[in-house]
Amino acid sequence: MDEEVVTNTSPVVEPAADPADPAIMIDAHGLSKYYGPFVAVRDASFSIPQGQVVAFLGPNGAGKSTLMRMLTGFLAPSAGRAAISGFDVRQQRIEASKRLGYLPENGPLYPDMTPLELLGFFGEARGIAPRALKDRIKAVVEICALELVLEKPIGKLSRGYKQRVGLAQALLHDPEVLIMDEPTAGLDPNQIKQFRENMQRLGRTKTLLISTHILQEVEAVADRVLLIHNGRLVFDGALADLEENGSLDEPFYRLTRELPEAPPASTGGRESAP
């Protein structure tokens, strides 16, 4: 199999849309990340329109987290650019962050704080006015079902409740775009079911990009799939176009088995300039 992305219309990834287009909420164009000769992500290009729920699928170590960090501005790319809601995440970082909610795999939670204290802290850090912050805390507490643990130290909460707190802080400023990295990792079946229901509800009003290596997760929440392997996109299309006989198992195995590892980056042993 060659390096081109499989789609339902063409095997080549089309150039990402103009980030100034207000209908495009997540835009990646030629994103690459090199660590010396090691290629973590190579030339990833795609765009996600408003209101779409996209699963970012791939085996462990495929480059999912690296690409998501570049999309959110937490990691500078070696090449390429990214935009959120039309704002370049490097050149217009503050404006992009106002429109982005990010839930990393291990969220920014302070164990000695209660969920209420943490939400208040992040709200103030984001500059949300006191009256508006009170309303937003009430809203995210309801969305994430945190009423029973608001006054308990986060360090004493279950993994499931910690994930809910992480999601609440990501939603606190009511972002247009929500990016989540392995959001159900470590949750039990009941917690996973509740989390997926939240994703389906949020997908009605927001653009979601959800990283996972769990095929059932993709089938449960996604409209579209981006499949990455060895740092390169190997599929970009509708869920139905990836499935075979109603299952993702065989196409996932085939696409992540046949593609060889990316060749070393020609950077002379150094990371290329962003």
Protein backbone atom coordinates (compact mmCIF):
# COMPACT_ATOMS: atom_id res chain seq x y z
CA MET A 1 0.00 0.00 0.00
CA ASP A 2 1.30 3.44 -0.86
CA GLU A 3 1.33 6.51 1.37
CA GLU A 4 -1.79 8.18 0.00
CA VAL A 5 -4.92 8.56 2.07
CA VAL A 6 -7.85 6.33 1.18
CA THR A 7 -11.09 8.22 0.57
CA ASN A 8 -14.37 7.35 -1.03
CA THR A 9 -13.65 9.63 -4.01
CA SER A 10 -9.88 9.90 -4.34
CA PRO A 11 -6.83 8.32 -2.69
CA VAL A 12 -5.17 11.72 -2.33
CA VAL A 13 -5.82 14.09 0.55
CA GLU A 14 -7.10 17.36 -0.87
CA PRO A 15 -5.50 20.58 0.38
CA ALA A 16 -7.06 21.88 3.57
CA ALA A 17 -9.64 24.60 3.14
CA ASP A 18 -8.85 28.25 3.63
CA PRO A 19 -8.77 28.81 7.42
CA ALA A 20 -10.62 32.09 6.96
CA ASP A 21 -13.71 30.11 5.86
CA PRO A 22 -16.09 30.36 8.84
CA ALA A 23 -17.68 26.98 7.96
CA ILE A 24 -14.35 25.20 8.56
CA MET A 25 -13.85 24.76 12.30
CA ILE A 26 -10.67 22.62 12.35
CA ASP A 27 -8.13 23.04 9.58
CA ALA A 28 -4.80 21.24 9.18
CA HIS A 29 -2.50 21.83 6.25
CA GLY A 30 0.73 19.89 5.84
CA LEU A 31 1.26 19.36 9.57
CA SER A 32 4.48 17.50 10.34
CA LYS A 33 6.50 16.85 13.46
CA TYR A 34 10.07 15.56 13.46
CA TYR A 35 12.29 14.67 16.40
CA GLY A 36 15.67 14.43 14.74
CA PRO A 37 15.37 11.57 12.23
CA PHE A 38 12.17 10.26 13.84
CA VAL A 39 8.94 11.19 12.07
CA ALA A 40 6.03 11.49 14.51
CA VAL A 41 3.60 13.03 11.99
CA ARG A 42 4.18 13.63 8.28
CA ASP A 43 2.22 16.03 6.04
CA ALA A 44 -1.26 15.70 7.59
CA SER A 45 -3.94 17.75 5.82
CA PHE A 46 -7.67 17.76 6.47
CA SER A 47 -10.52 20.12 7.32
CA ILE A 48 -13.56 19.58 9.54
CA PRO A 49 -16.71 21.63 8.98
CA GLN A 50 -19.06 22.97 11.59
CA GLY A 51 -21.22 20.43 13.40
CA GLN A 52 -19.29 17.29 12.42
CA VAL A 53 -18.23 14.57 14.89
CA VAL A 54 -14.94 13.05 13.74
CA ALA A 55 -13.14 10.06 15.22
CA PHE A 56 -9.36 10.27 15.02
CA LEU A 57 -8.53 6.58 14.91
CA GLY A 58 -5.21 4.77 15.05
CA PRO A 59 -3.17 2.21 16.96
CA ASN A 60 -1.10 3.21 19.96
CA GLY A 61 1.93 5.23 18.90
CA ALA A 62 0.45 6.19 15.53
CA GLY A 63 0.83 9.94 16.11
CA LYS A 64 -2.68 10.84 17.31
CA SER A 65 -1.67 12.76 20.43
CA THR A 66 1.14 14.58 18.62
CA LEU A 67 -1.21 15.74 15.88
CA MET A 68 -3.86 16.83 18.39
CA ARG A 69 -1.30 18.86 20.32
CA MET A 70 -0.30 20.64 17.15
CA LEU A 71 -3.95 21.35 16.33
CA THR A 72 -4.50 22.90 19.74
CA GLY A 73 -1.28 24.93 19.79
CA PHE A 74 0.33 23.01 22.65
CA LEU A 75 3.05 21.74 20.34
CA ALA A 76 4.74 23.68 17.54
CA PRO A 77 4.82 21.83 14.21
CA SER A 78 8.03 21.25 12.32
CA ALA A 79 6.11 22.19 9.18
CA GLY A 80 2.57 23.13 8.20
CA ARG A 81 -0.15 25.11 9.94
CA ALA A 82 -3.37 24.63 11.87
CA ALA A 83 -6.40 26.82 12.49
CA ILE A 84 -9.40 26.70 14.83
CA SER A 85 -12.54 28.54 13.69
CA GLY A 86 -10.43 30.42 11.15
CA PHE A 87 -7.72 31.53 13.62
CA ASP A 88 -4.16 30.31 13.21
CA VAL A 89 -3.22 28.48 16.42
CA ARG A 90 0.31 29.93 16.41
CA GLN A 91 -0.21 33.44 15.09
CA GLN A 92 -3.61 34.03 16.74
CA ARG A 93 -3.31 31.77 19.76
CA ILE A 94 -5.62 33.68 22.13
CA GLU A 95 -8.43 34.01 19.61
CA ALA A 96 -8.15 30.33 18.69
CA SER A 97 -8.18 29.25 22.34
CA LYS A 98 -11.39 31.19 22.99
CA ARG A 99 -13.13 28.91 20.53
CA LEU A 100 -11.45 25.67 21.55
CA GLY A 101 -12.09 23.22 24.35
CA TYR A 102 -9.28 20.69 24.81
CA LEU A 103 -9.40 17.55 26.92
CA PRO A 104 -5.98 15.84 26.89
CA GLU A 105 -5.64 12.21 27.92
CA ASN A 106 -4.51 13.29 31.38
CA GLY A 107 -6.42 16.50 31.99
CA PRO A 108 -5.17 19.56 33.92
CA LEU A 109 -6.76 18.71 37.26
CA TYR A 110 -5.52 19.79 40.68
CA PRO A 111 -6.19 16.99 43.20
CA ASP A 112 -6.49 19.26 46.26
CA MET A 113 -9.19 21.40 44.64
CA THR A 114 -12.86 20.52 44.50
CA PRO A 115 -14.59 20.54 41.10
CA LEU A 116 -16.31 23.79 42.07
CA GLU A 117 -12.99 25.42 43.01
CA LEU A 118 -11.32 24.17 39.85
CA LEU A 119 -14.06 25.46 37.58
CA GLY A 120 -13.96 28.83 39.32
CA PHE A 121 -10.18 28.97 38.92
CA PHE A 122 -10.25 28.15 35.20
CA GLY A 123 -13.12 30.54 34.63
CA GLU A 124 -11.22 33.41 36.20
CA ALA A 125 -8.08 32.46 34.27
CA ARG A 126 -10.09 32.67 31.05
CA GLY A 127 -11.44 36.08 32.01
CA ILE A 128 -15.09 35.06 32.24
CA ALA A 129 -17.11 37.72 34.05
CA PRO A 130 -18.34 36.65 37.54
CA ARG A 131 -22.04 36.54 36.70
CA ALA A 132 -21.45 34.72 33.41
CA LEU A 133 -19.06 32.33 35.15
CA LYS A 134 -21.70 31.39 37.71
CA ASP A 135 -24.11 30.55 34.89
CA ARG A 136 -21.49 28.59 32.95
CA ILE A 137 -20.47 26.56 36.01
CA LYS A 138 -24.12 25.69 36.58
CA ALA A 139 -24.47 24.64 32.94
CA VAL A 140 -21.38 22.40 32.77
CA VAL A 141 -22.13 20.83 36.14
CA GLU A 142 -25.50 19.78 34.74
CA ILE A 143 -24.06 18.56 31.43
CA CYS A 144 -21.38 16.49 33.16
CA ALA A 145 -23.56 15.36 36.11
CA LEU A 146 -21.19 16.66 38.81
CA GLU A 147 -23.79 17.69 41.38
CA LEU A 148 -22.91 14.91 43.85
CA VAL A 149 -19.16 15.61 43.93
CA LEU A 150 -18.88 19.40 43.66
CA GLU A 151 -17.43 19.80 47.16
CA LYS A 152 -15.21 16.69 47.20
CA PRO A 153 -11.43 16.89 46.54
CA ILE A 154 -10.71 15.87 42.97
CA GLY A 155 -7.94 13.56 44.15
CA LYS A 156 -10.53 11.40 45.90
CA LEU A 157 -12.84 11.06 42.92
CA SER A 158 -13.12 8.00 40.68
CA ARG A 159 -11.53 7.97 37.24
CA GLY A 160 -14.97 8.47 35.69
CA TYR A 161 -15.73 11.56 37.75
CA LYS A 162 -12.27 12.99 37.04
CA GLN A 163 -13.01 12.65 33.34
CA ARG A 164 -16.29 14.48 33.87
CA VAL A 165 -14.46 17.29 35.66
CA GLY A 166 -11.97 17.46 32.80
CA LEU A 167 -14.79 17.69 30.28
CA ALA A 168 -16.51 20.37 32.37
CA GLN A 169 -13.41 22.60 32.33
CA ALA A 170 -13.07 22.09 28.57
CA LEU A 171 -16.69 23.20 28.08
CA LEU A 172 -16.62 26.03 30.61
CA HIS A 173 -16.18 28.87 28.07
CA ASP A 174 -18.75 27.30 25.70
CA PRO A 175 -16.31 26.63 22.85
CA GLU A 176 -17.34 26.00 19.26
CA VAL A 177 -14.77 23.22 18.88
CA LEU A 178 -14.02 20.34 21.27
CA ILE A 179 -10.90 18.19 20.88
CA MET A 180 -10.50 15.16 23.14
CA ASP A 181 -7.60 12.73 23.40
CA GLU A 182 -8.60 9.18 24.44
CA PRO A 183 -11.49 10.48 26.61
CA THR A 184 -12.74 7.04 27.72
CA ALA A 185 -9.37 5.49 28.59
CA GLY A 186 -9.62 3.71 31.94
CA LEU A 187 -13.38 4.07 32.32
CA ASP A 188 -15.69 1.19 33.18
CA PRO A 189 -18.53 0.18 30.78
CA ASN A 190 -21.17 2.29 32.55
CA GLN A 191 -18.92 5.35 32.55
CA ILE A 192 -18.10 4.82 28.87
CA LYS A 193 -21.81 4.66 28.03
CA GLN A 194 -22.46 7.92 29.89
CA PHE A 195 -19.50 9.62 28.23
CA ARG A 196 -20.62 8.55 24.76
CA GLU A 197 -24.11 9.90 25.44
CA ASN A 198 -22.52 13.23 26.35
CA MET A 199 -20.54 13.21 23.10
CA GLN A 200 -23.66 12.55 21.05
CA ARG A 201 -25.47 15.40 22.82
CA LEU A 202 -22.58 17.84 22.39
CA GLY A 203 -22.22 16.87 18.74
CA ARG A 204 -25.56 18.50 17.98
CA THR A 205 -24.16 21.98 18.60
CA LYS A 206 -20.35 21.69 18.44
CA THR A 207 -17.61 20.36 16.20
CA LEU A 208 -15.91 17.38 17.85
CA LEU A 209 -12.61 15.62 17.16
CA ILE A 210 -12.17 12.55 19.36
CA SER A 211 -8.96 10.52 19.43
CA THR A 212 -9.26 6.80 20.11
CA HIS A 213 -7.88 3.38 19.25
CA ILE A 214 -11.14 1.66 20.25
CA LEU A 215 -13.21 0.66 17.22
CA GLN A 216 -16.48 0.50 19.19
CA GLU A 217 -15.94 4.11 20.20
CA VAL A 218 -15.82 5.16 16.56
CA GLU A 219 -18.97 3.24 15.68
CA ALA A 220 -20.83 4.76 18.63
CA VAL A 221 -20.18 8.47 18.09
CA ALA A 222 -18.57 9.34 14.74
CA ASP A 223 -19.87 10.68 11.42
CA ARG A 224 -16.42 10.57 9.84
CA VAL A 225 -13.12 8.81 10.44
CA LEU A 226 -9.53 10.00 10.14
CA LEU A 227 -7.26 6.97 10.38
CA ILE A 228 -3.58 7.55 11.11
CA HIS A 229 -0.76 5.01 11.08
CA ASN A 230 2.98 5.59 11.46
CA GLY A 231 2.39 9.33 11.45
CA ARG A 232 0.49 9.46 8.15
CA LEU A 233 -3.20 9.67 7.33
CA VAL A 234 -4.27 6.50 5.55
CA PHE A 235 -8.04 7.09 5.44
CA ASP A 236 -10.31 10.12 5.53
CA GLY A 237 -13.99 9.54 4.91
CA ALA A 238 -17.41 8.60 6.20
CA LEU A 239 -17.72 5.79 8.72
CA ALA A 240 -19.84 3.77 6.29
CA ASP A 241 -17.09 3.98 3.66
CA LEU A 242 -14.56 2.41 6.01
CA GLU A 243 -16.76 -0.37 7.32
CA GLU A 244 -16.79 -3.79 5.69
CA ASN A 245 -19.78 -6.04 6.40
CA GLY A 246 -20.80 -3.63 9.15
CA SER A 247 -17.46 -3.86 10.95
CA LEU A 248 -14.26 -1.82 11.22
CA ASP A 249 -12.07 -4.72 12.32
CA GLU A 250 -10.75 -5.93 8.98
CA PRO A 251 -10.19 -2.53 7.30
CA PHE A 252 -8.47 -1.22 10.43
CA TYR A 253 -6.19 -4.25 10.54
CA ARG A 254 -5.39 -4.03 6.83
CA LEU A 255 -4.68 -0.29 6.78
CA THR A 256 -2.48 -0.40 9.87
CA ARG A 257 -0.65 -3.54 8.84
CA GLU A 258 0.36 -2.91 5.23
CA LEU A 259 1.74 0.63 5.46
CA PRO A 260 5.49 0.63 6.15
CA GLU A 261 7.05 2.93 8.68
CA ALA A 262 7.70 6.49 7.58
CA PRO A 263 11.24 7.10 6.30
CA PRO A 264 13.50 9.23 8.51
CA ALA A 265 13.15 12.99 8.22
CA SER A 266 15.89 14.66 6.23
CA THR A 267 16.69 17.26 8.89
CA GLY A 268 20.34 16.59 9.44
CA GLY A 269 19.66 15.12 12.91
CA ARG A 270 17.84 18.24 14.09
CA GLU A 271 14.22 19.19 14.27
CA SER A 272 13.31 21.40 11.34
CA ALA A 273 12.27 24.95 12.01
CA PRO A 274 8.52 25.45 12.59
